Amino acid sequence: MPADTPAGAPSRVDHVRRETIVFMTTRRTSFTGRAVVVICVLAALAITLAVPIRELLSQRAEITALSEEVAAAEERVDDLSASVADWNDPSFIAAQARTRLRFVFPGEVGYVVLGADDRPLPAEPAPVEPDGIDPWFALMWESLRSADAPESDATEVPTPADAG
């Protein structure tokens, strides 16, 4: 204690400590009015802007989906335009008439090859299986044949007559 303070009086250090304690306890326990107002304003802004932002996002998704549909439609239009261009070509029309309707030009002789049942054979030959790959029915038939055949590689079991 300093020399100029009386024995029962509080010192200057005690007075500063008390003020600090009072200041710290009052500061920690209460919100200011400004903080409450700011929080309320931010909450009101969030509530107000939620619906328009949701609508904006859904409209952007709808625009993206419609853009994809337009691109697919434009691709289909291009394909159909190419088909129209083919059908405007007289040589393409003649080739289609020859294959689909079996038309022949004047002076030509058209032949139709008939099968065993007196029906016309198809114009294109039947597809040939690539080498090394058997069709599924050939594999199934071979597995049935091998299942019915006796095993030739089986080891013979000695019978009691052979042992003696």
C-alpha atoms as a PDB file:
ATOM      1  CA  MET A   1       0.000   0.000   0.000  1.00  0.00           C
ATOM      2  CA  PRO A   2       1.200   3.520  -0.656  1.00  0.00           C
ATOM      3  CA  ALA A   3       2.142   5.665   2.236  1.00  0.00           C
ATOM      4  CA  ASP A   4      -0.400   8.473   1.655  1.00  0.00           C
ATOM      5  CA  THR A   5      -3.545   6.262   1.826  1.00  0.00           C
ATOM      6  CA  PRO A   6      -5.239   5.614   5.161  1.00  0.00           C
ATOM      7  CA  ALA A   7      -5.229   2.087   6.523  1.00  0.00           C
ATOM      8  CA  GLY A   8      -8.973   1.350   6.031  1.00  0.00           C
ATOM      9  CA  ALA A   9      -9.426   3.180   2.679  1.00  0.00           C
ATOM     10  CA  PRO A  10      -9.289   1.250  -0.593  1.00  0.00           C
ATOM     11  CA  SER A  11      -6.234   1.787  -2.703  1.00  0.00           C
ATOM     12  CA  ARG A  12      -6.213   3.078  -6.271  1.00  0.00           C
ATOM     13  CA  VAL A  13      -5.404  -0.391  -7.609  1.00  0.00           C
ATOM     14  CA  ASP A  14      -8.472  -1.844  -5.901  1.00  0.00           C
ATOM     15  CA  HIS A  15     -10.632   0.882  -7.401  1.00  0.00           C
ATOM     16  CA  VAL A  16      -9.347   0.140 -10.959  1.00  0.00           C
ATOM     17  CA  ARG A  17      -9.928  -3.592 -10.490  1.00  0.00           C
ATOM     18  CA  ARG A  18     -13.502  -2.994  -9.379  1.00  0.00           C
ATOM     19  CA  GLU A  19     -14.205  -0.783 -12.423  1.00  0.00           C
ATOM     20  CA  THR A  20     -12.712  -3.392 -14.760  1.00  0.00           C
ATOM     21  CA  ILE A  21     -14.804  -6.153 -13.242  1.00  0.00           C
ATOM     22  CA  VAL A  22     -17.983  -4.079 -13.458  1.00  0.00           C
ATOM     23  CA  PHE A  23     -17.188  -3.068 -17.069  1.00  0.00           C
ATOM     24  CA  MET A  24     -16.440  -6.647 -18.152  1.00  0.00           C
ATOM     25  CA  THR A  25     -19.579  -8.107 -16.590  1.00  0.00           C
ATOM     26  CA  THR A  26     -21.876  -5.507 -18.092  1.00  0.00           C
ATOM     27  CA  ARG A  27     -20.290  -5.812 -21.548  1.00  0.00           C
ATOM     28  CA  ARG A  28     -20.557  -9.615 -21.780  1.00  0.00           C
ATOM     29  CA  THR A  29     -24.128 -10.068 -20.668  1.00  0.00           C
ATOM     30  CA  SER A  30     -26.161  -7.716 -22.868  1.00  0.00           C
ATOM     31  CA  PHE A  31     -26.775  -7.217 -26.592  1.00  0.00           C
ATOM     32  CA  THR A  32     -26.870  -3.748 -27.945  1.00  0.00           C
ATOM     33  CA  GLY A  33     -29.955  -2.428 -29.636  1.00  0.00           C
ATOM     34  CA  ARG A  34     -28.033  -2.050 -32.902  1.00  0.00           C
ATOM     35  CA  ALA A  35     -27.136  -5.730 -33.035  1.00  0.00           C
ATOM     36  CA  VAL A  36     -30.773  -6.729 -32.603  1.00  0.00           C
ATOM     37  CA  VAL A  37     -31.861  -4.312 -35.365  1.00  0.00           C
ATOM     38  CA  VAL A  38     -29.168  -5.576 -37.739  1.00  0.00           C
ATOM     39  CA  ILE A  39     -30.134  -9.198 -37.124  1.00  0.00           C
ATOM     40  CA  CYS A  40     -33.811  -8.403 -37.747  1.00  0.00           C
ATOM     41  CA  VAL A  41     -33.005  -6.550 -40.983  1.00  0.00           C
ATOM     42  CA  LEU A  42     -30.845  -9.426 -42.248  1.00  0.00           C
ATOM     43  CA  ALA A  43     -33.558 -11.970 -41.438  1.00  0.00           C
ATOM     44  CA  ALA A  44     -36.170  -9.851 -43.238  1.00  0.00           C
ATOM     45  CA  LEU A  45     -33.881  -9.583 -46.298  1.00  0.00           C
ATOM     46  CA  ALA A  46     -33.310 -13.336 -46.347  1.00  0.00           C
ATOM     47  CA  ILE A  47     -37.038 -14.063 -46.162  1.00  0.00           C
ATOM     48  CA  THR A  48     -37.848 -11.433 -48.796  1.00  0.00           C
ATOM     49  CA  LEU A  49     -35.220 -12.626 -51.279  1.00  0.00           C
ATOM     50  CA  ALA A  50     -35.749 -16.386 -50.872  1.00  0.00           C
ATOM     51  CA  VAL A  51     -38.745 -16.692 -53.225  1.00  0.00           C
ATOM     52  CA  PRO A  52     -37.338 -14.578 -56.111  1.00  0.00           C
ATOM     53  CA  ILE A  53     -34.004 -16.403 -55.991  1.00  0.00           C
ATOM     54  CA  ARG A  54     -35.766 -19.771 -56.056  1.00  0.00           C
ATOM     55  CA  GLU A  55     -37.828 -18.642 -59.064  1.00  0.00           C
ATOM     56  CA  LEU A  56     -34.685 -17.404 -60.812  1.00  0.00           C
ATOM     57  CA  LEU A  57     -32.954 -20.745 -60.368  1.00  0.00           C
ATOM     58  CA  SER A  58     -35.969 -22.732 -61.568  1.00  0.00           C
ATOM     59  CA  GLN A  59     -36.318 -20.493 -64.632  1.00  0.00           C
ATOM     60  CA  ARG A  60     -32.651 -20.971 -65.495  1.00  0.00           C
ATOM     61  CA  ALA A  61     -33.094 -24.751 -65.291  1.00  0.00           C
ATOM     62  CA  GLU A  62     -36.158 -24.523 -67.531  1.00  0.00           C
ATOM     63  CA  ILE A  63     -34.247 -22.388 -70.054  1.00  0.00           C
ATOM     64  CA  THR A  64     -31.441 -24.956 -70.137  1.00  0.00           C
ATOM     65  CA  ALA A  65     -33.911 -27.805 -70.747  1.00  0.00           C
ATOM     66  CA  LEU A  66     -35.659 -25.868 -73.514  1.00  0.00           C
ATOM     67  CA  SER A  67     -32.313 -25.038 -75.146  1.00  0.00           C
ATOM     68  CA  GLU A  68     -31.488 -28.742 -75.266  1.00  0.00           C
ATOM     69  CA  GLU A  69     -34.882 -29.472 -76.848  1.00  0.00           C
ATOM     70  CA  VAL A  70     -34.293 -26.764 -79.470  1.00  0.00           C
ATOM     71  CA  ALA A  71     -30.871 -28.222 -80.301  1.00  0.00           C
ATOM     72  CA  ALA A  72     -32.384 -31.700 -80.740  1.00  0.00           C
ATOM     73  CA  ALA A  73     -35.150 -30.281 -82.953  1.00  0.00           C
ATOM     74  CA  GLU A  74     -32.598 -28.421 -85.085  1.00  0.00           C
ATOM     75  CA  GLU A  75     -30.607 -31.630 -85.520  1.00  0.00           C
ATOM     76  CA  ARG A  76     -33.768 -33.445 -86.618  1.00  0.00           C
ATOM     77  CA  VAL A  77     -34.534 -30.648 -89.098  1.00  0.00           C
ATOM     78  CA  ASP A  78     -31.016 -30.990 -90.551  1.00  0.00           C
ATOM     79  CA  ASP A  79     -31.491 -34.755 -90.947  1.00  0.00           C
ATOM     80  CA  LEU A  80     -34.846 -34.280 -92.659  1.00  0.00           C
ATOM     81  CA  SER A  81     -33.409 -31.595 -94.935  1.00  0.00           C
ATOM     82  CA  ALA A  82     -30.710 -34.034 -96.028  1.00  0.00           C
ATOM     83  CA  SER A  83     -33.411 -36.638 -96.707  1.00  0.00           C
ATOM     84  CA  VAL A  84     -35.387 -34.140 -98.798  1.00  0.00           C
ATOM     85  CA  ALA A  85     -32.239 -33.335-100.746  1.00  0.00           C
ATOM     86  CA  ASP A  86     -31.775 -37.067-101.468  1.00  0.00           C
ATOM     87  CA  TRP A  87     -35.358 -37.413-102.677  1.00  0.00           C
ATOM     88  CA  ASN A  88     -34.912 -34.411-105.001  1.00  0.00           C
ATOM     89  CA  ASP A  89     -32.141 -36.293-106.831  1.00  0.00           C
ATOM     90  CA  PRO A  90     -33.552 -38.299-109.812  1.00  0.00           C
ATOM     91  CA  SER A  91     -30.854 -40.969-109.596  1.00  0.00           C
ATOM     92  CA  PHE A  92     -31.693 -41.622-105.917  1.00  0.00           C
ATOM     93  CA  ILE A  93     -35.401 -41.942-106.787  1.00  0.00           C
ATOM     94  CA  ALA A  94     -34.590 -44.403-109.587  1.00  0.00           C
ATOM     95  CA  ALA A  95     -32.385 -46.489-107.254  1.00  0.00           C
ATOM     96  CA  GLN A  96     -35.143 -46.591-104.619  1.00  0.00           C
ATOM     97  CA  ALA A  97     -37.739 -47.633-107.229  1.00  0.00           C
ATOM     98  CA  ARG A  98     -35.465 -50.450-108.443  1.00  0.00           C
ATOM     99  CA  THR A  99     -34.779 -51.847-104.954  1.00  0.00           C
ATOM    100  CA  ARG A 100     -38.102 -51.249-103.212  1.00  0.00           C
ATOM    101  CA  LEU A 101     -40.578 -51.677-106.049  1.00  0.00           C
ATOM    102  CA  ARG A 102     -38.472 -53.865-108.392  1.00  0.00           C
ATOM    103  CA  PHE A 103     -38.902 -51.474-111.305  1.00  0.00           C
ATOM    104  CA  VAL A 104     -36.775 -51.979-114.428  1.00  0.00           C
ATOM    105  CA  PHE A 105     -35.929 -49.597-117.235  1.00  0.00           C
ATOM    106  CA  PRO A 106     -37.427 -50.163-120.674  1.00  0.00           C
ATOM    107  CA  GLY A 107     -35.478 -52.852-122.500  1.00  0.00           C
ATOM    108  CA  GLU A 108     -34.282 -54.579-119.300  1.00  0.00           C
ATOM    109  CA  VAL A 109     -35.583 -57.925-118.114  1.00  0.00           C
ATOM    110  CA  GLY A 110     -36.375 -58.310-114.452  1.00  0.00           C
ATOM    111  CA  TYR A 111     -35.845 -61.665-112.773  1.00  0.00           C
ATOM    112  CA  VAL A 112     -37.200 -62.867-109.451  1.00  0.00           C
ATOM    113  CA  VAL A 113     -35.501 -65.909-107.969  1.00  0.00           C
ATOM    114  CA  LEU A 114     -37.917 -68.193-106.140  1.00  0.00           C
ATOM    115  CA  GLY A 115     -37.032 -70.426-103.251  1.00  0.00           C
ATOM    116  CA  ALA A 116     -38.195 -73.992-102.560  1.00  0.00           C
ATOM    117  CA  ASP A 117     -41.556 -72.789-101.259  1.00  0.00           C
ATOM    118  CA  ASP A 118     -42.214 -70.688-104.388  1.00  0.00           C
ATOM    119  CA  ARG A 119     -41.590 -67.440-102.572  1.00  0.00           C
ATOM    120  CA  PRO A 120     -39.065 -64.825-103.714  1.00  0.00           C
ATOM    121  CA  LEU A 121     -35.682 -65.018-102.034  1.00  0.00           C
ATOM    122  CA  PRO A 122     -34.455 -61.899-100.274  1.00  0.00           C
ATOM    123  CA  ALA A 123     -32.430 -59.529-102.427  1.00  0.00           C
ATOM    124  CA  GLU A 124     -29.547 -59.355 -99.968  1.00  0.00           C
ATOM    125  CA  PRO A 125     -27.646 -62.502 -99.054  1.00  0.00           C
ATOM    126  CA  ALA A 126     -27.959 -63.788 -95.513  1.00  0.00           C
ATOM    127  CA  PRO A 127     -25.291 -62.396 -93.205  1.00  0.00           C
ATOM    128  CA  VAL A 128     -22.318 -64.663 -92.726  1.00  0.00           C
ATOM    129  CA  GLU A 129     -20.970 -65.181 -89.241  1.00  0.00           C
ATOM    130  CA  PRO A 130     -17.393 -63.953 -88.760  1.00  0.00           C
ATOM    131  CA  ASP A 131     -14.703 -66.616 -88.634  1.00  0.00           C
ATOM    132  CA  GLY A 132     -14.022 -68.077 -85.213  1.00  0.00           C
ATOM    133  CA  ILE A 133     -17.376 -67.095 -83.738  1.00  0.00           C
ATOM    134  CA  ASP A 134     -20.143 -69.679 -83.809  1.00  0.00           C
ATOM    135  CA  PRO A 135     -23.784 -68.607 -83.534  1.00  0.00           C
ATOM    136  CA  TRP A 136     -25.529 -69.320 -80.249  1.00  0.00           C
ATOM    137  CA  PHE A 137     -27.533 -72.258 -81.568  1.00  0.00           C
ATOM    138  CA  ALA A 138     -24.382 -73.975 -82.846  1.00  0.00           C
ATOM    139  CA  LEU A 139     -22.798 -73.646 -79.417  1.00  0.00           C
ATOM    140  CA  MET A 140     -25.940 -75.020 -77.765  1.00  0.00           C
ATOM    141  CA  TRP A 141     -26.135 -77.958 -80.190  1.00  0.00           C
ATOM    142  CA  GLU A 142     -22.472 -78.803 -79.605  1.00  0.00           C
ATOM    143  CA  SER A 143     -22.956 -78.734 -75.829  1.00  0.00           C
ATOM    144  CA  LEU A 144     -25.928 -81.126 -76.158  1.00  0.00           C
ATOM    145  CA  ARG A 145     -23.934 -83.483 -78.354  1.00  0.00           C
ATOM    146  CA  SER A 146     -20.983 -83.489 -75.959  1.00  0.00           C
ATOM    147  CA  ALA A 147     -23.279 -84.131 -72.982  1.00  0.00           C
ATOM    148  CA  ASP A 148     -24.768 -87.220 -74.679  1.00  0.00           C
ATOM    149  CA  ALA A 149     -21.432 -88.625 -75.852  1.00  0.00           C
ATOM    150  CA  PRO A 150     -19.595 -91.085 -73.554  1.00  0.00           C
ATOM    151  CA  GLU A 151     -16.440 -89.745 -71.988  1.00  0.00           C
ATOM    152  CA  SER A 152     -13.404 -91.116 -73.819  1.00  0.00           C
ATOM    153  CA  ASP A 153     -10.780 -89.611 -71.497  1.00  0.00           C
ATOM    154  CA  ALA A 154     -12.237 -91.152 -68.340  1.00  0.00           C
ATOM    155  CA  THR A 155      -9.887 -93.319 -66.337  1.00  0.00           C
ATOM    156  CA  GLU A 156     -10.919 -96.897 -66.139  1.00  0.00           C
ATOM    157  CA  VAL A 157     -11.859 -98.200 -62.727  1.00  0.00           C
ATOM    158  CA  PRO A 158     -10.462-101.730 -62.195  1.00  0.00           C
ATOM    159  CA  THR A 159     -13.110-104.327 -61.554  1.00  0.00           C
ATOM    160  CA  PRO A 160     -12.621-107.224 -59.128  1.00  0.00           C
ATOM    161  CA  ALA A 161     -12.402-109.631 -62.101  1.00  0.00           C
ATOM    162  CA  ASP A 162      -9.440-107.661 -63.543  1.00  0.00           C
ATOM    163  CA  ALA A 163      -7.551-107.596 -60.257  1.00  0.00           C
ATOM    164  CA  GLY A 164      -7.333-111.391 -59.843  1.00  0.00           C
END
